[in-house]
Amino acid sequence: MEAAAEPSVEESPCTLQCSSIAFAVKILGDKWTSLIVLELSNGPRRFTELEHSLGIGPRTLSQRLEFLAEREVVRKTQYAEAPPRVEYELLQKGKDLMPVLQSMAQWCEKYDA
């Protein structure tokens, strides 16, 4: 009787799931990113509002917001006012992260992490 061949890496059921998890970790893997998404879940915020509410430095905040905007998680809206006003808000992709963050919070509560 011939032994069944092991599935190749390409055929592994985990391959797609693992690459999806890796993508999610790439988006949420930074501590500030999750906190920014959580803060924006309450509605649009100005840069300085995020900076003060999160206690994050302007350079780090700017980098994280740019990263999230490039991945269409947040939208940056600039208003032609004096002084200039810029707001950030979650797009649908960002809103869809909320159940993930809530599950993470529940896990932490369960294990007192």
Protein backbone atom coordinates (compact mmCIF):
# COMPACT_ATOMS: atom_id res chain seq x y z
CA MET A 1 0.00 0.00 0.00
CA GLU A 2 1.35 3.37 -1.00
CA ALA A 3 1.71 6.06 1.71
CA ALA A 4 -0.31 9.22 1.22
CA ALA A 5 1.82 12.18 0.31
CA GLU A 6 2.05 14.96 2.86
CA PRO A 7 0.43 18.18 1.63
CA SER A 8 2.94 20.73 0.42
CA VAL A 9 3.30 24.06 2.15
CA GLU A 10 1.27 25.68 -0.64
CA GLU A 11 -1.58 23.24 -0.01
CA SER A 12 -1.54 23.47 3.77
CA PRO A 13 -4.84 24.63 5.26
CA CYS A 14 -2.85 26.88 7.58
CA THR A 15 -1.06 28.75 4.78
CA LEU A 16 -3.89 31.13 3.98
CA GLN A 17 -4.89 31.55 7.62
CA CYS A 18 -1.30 32.12 8.73
CA SER A 19 -0.67 34.70 6.03
CA SER A 20 -3.91 36.46 7.00
CA ILE A 21 -2.86 36.54 10.64
CA ALA A 22 0.56 37.85 9.63
CA PHE A 23 -1.15 40.67 7.71
CA ALA A 24 -3.32 41.56 10.72
CA VAL A 25 -0.26 41.55 12.97
CA LYS A 26 1.52 43.80 10.49
CA ILE A 27 -1.34 46.29 10.87
CA LEU A 28 -1.92 45.92 14.63
CA GLY A 29 1.52 44.73 15.73
CA ASP A 30 2.57 48.12 17.03
CA LYS A 31 1.12 49.14 20.40
CA TRP A 32 0.24 52.62 19.20
CA THR A 33 -1.70 51.42 16.17
CA SER A 34 -4.27 49.54 18.24
CA LEU A 35 -4.67 52.52 20.56
CA ILE A 36 -5.11 54.92 17.63
CA VAL A 37 -7.77 52.68 16.08
CA LEU A 38 -9.52 52.40 19.44
CA GLU A 39 -9.45 56.19 19.92
CA LEU A 40 -10.78 56.81 16.40
CA SER A 41 -13.62 54.36 17.00
CA ASN A 42 -15.25 57.19 18.99
CA GLY A 43 -15.34 59.40 15.89
CA PRO A 44 -13.04 61.72 13.94
CA ARG A 45 -10.17 63.32 15.86
CA ARG A 46 -7.67 66.04 15.18
CA PHE A 47 -3.97 65.29 15.32
CA THR A 48 -3.47 67.21 18.57
CA GLU A 49 -6.46 65.49 20.18
CA LEU A 50 -4.92 62.10 19.42
CA GLU A 51 -1.52 63.27 20.58
CA HIS A 52 -2.84 64.41 23.96
CA SER A 53 -5.35 61.63 24.61
CA LEU A 54 -2.82 58.89 23.82
CA GLY A 55 0.29 60.54 25.23
CA ILE A 56 2.16 59.78 22.02
CA GLY A 57 4.92 61.84 20.47
CA PRO A 58 4.11 63.78 17.28
CA ARG A 59 6.67 61.96 15.13
CA THR A 60 5.42 58.51 16.14
CA LEU A 61 1.80 59.55 15.75
CA SER A 62 2.47 61.01 12.32
CA GLN A 63 4.22 57.81 11.18
CA ARG A 64 1.45 55.54 12.48
CA LEU A 65 -1.32 57.66 10.95
CA GLU A 66 0.48 57.72 7.60
CA PHE A 67 0.90 53.93 7.78
CA LEU A 68 -2.82 53.47 8.52
CA ALA A 69 -3.87 55.92 5.79
CA GLU A 70 -1.72 54.10 3.21
CA ARG A 71 -3.49 50.86 4.12
CA GLU A 72 -6.92 52.52 3.96
CA VAL A 73 -7.64 51.95 7.65
CA VAL A 74 -8.01 55.68 8.34
CA ARG A 75 -8.78 58.72 6.22
CA LYS A 76 -6.98 62.02 6.58
CA THR A 77 -9.13 65.04 5.75
CA GLN A 78 -7.54 68.48 5.39
CA TYR A 79 -9.76 71.53 5.63
CA ALA A 80 -8.84 74.78 3.89
CA GLU A 81 -9.09 76.97 6.96
CA ALA A 82 -6.81 79.33 8.80
CA PRO A 83 -5.24 77.81 10.78
CA PRO A 84 -5.33 74.57 8.78
CA ARG A 85 -7.41 71.79 10.30
CA VAL A 86 -6.75 68.09 9.75
CA GLU A 87 -8.98 65.28 10.99
CA TYR A 88 -8.52 61.53 11.00
CA GLU A 89 -11.34 59.01 10.96
CA LEU A 90 -11.71 55.26 10.67
CA LEU A 91 -12.70 53.83 7.32
CA GLN A 92 -14.66 50.58 7.12
CA LYS A 93 -11.46 48.53 7.19
CA GLY A 94 -10.58 50.21 10.50
CA LYS A 95 -14.08 49.77 11.92
CA ASP A 96 -13.86 46.08 11.08
CA LEU A 97 -10.86 45.83 13.42
CA MET A 98 -13.00 46.66 16.46
CA PRO A 99 -14.21 43.07 17.09
CA VAL A 100 -10.56 41.96 16.96
CA LEU A 101 -9.56 44.57 19.55
CA GLN A 102 -12.57 43.70 21.72
CA SER A 103 -11.62 40.01 21.60
CA MET A 104 -8.08 40.89 22.61
CA ALA A 105 -9.41 42.94 25.54
CA GLN A 106 -11.67 40.06 26.65
CA TRP A 107 -8.74 37.65 26.49
CA CYS A 108 -6.66 40.00 28.65
CA GLU A 109 -9.47 40.35 31.19
CA LYS A 110 -9.95 36.57 31.31
CA TYR A 111 -6.28 35.93 32.02
CA ASP A 112 -5.59 39.08 34.05
CA ALA A 113 -2.98 40.11 31.53
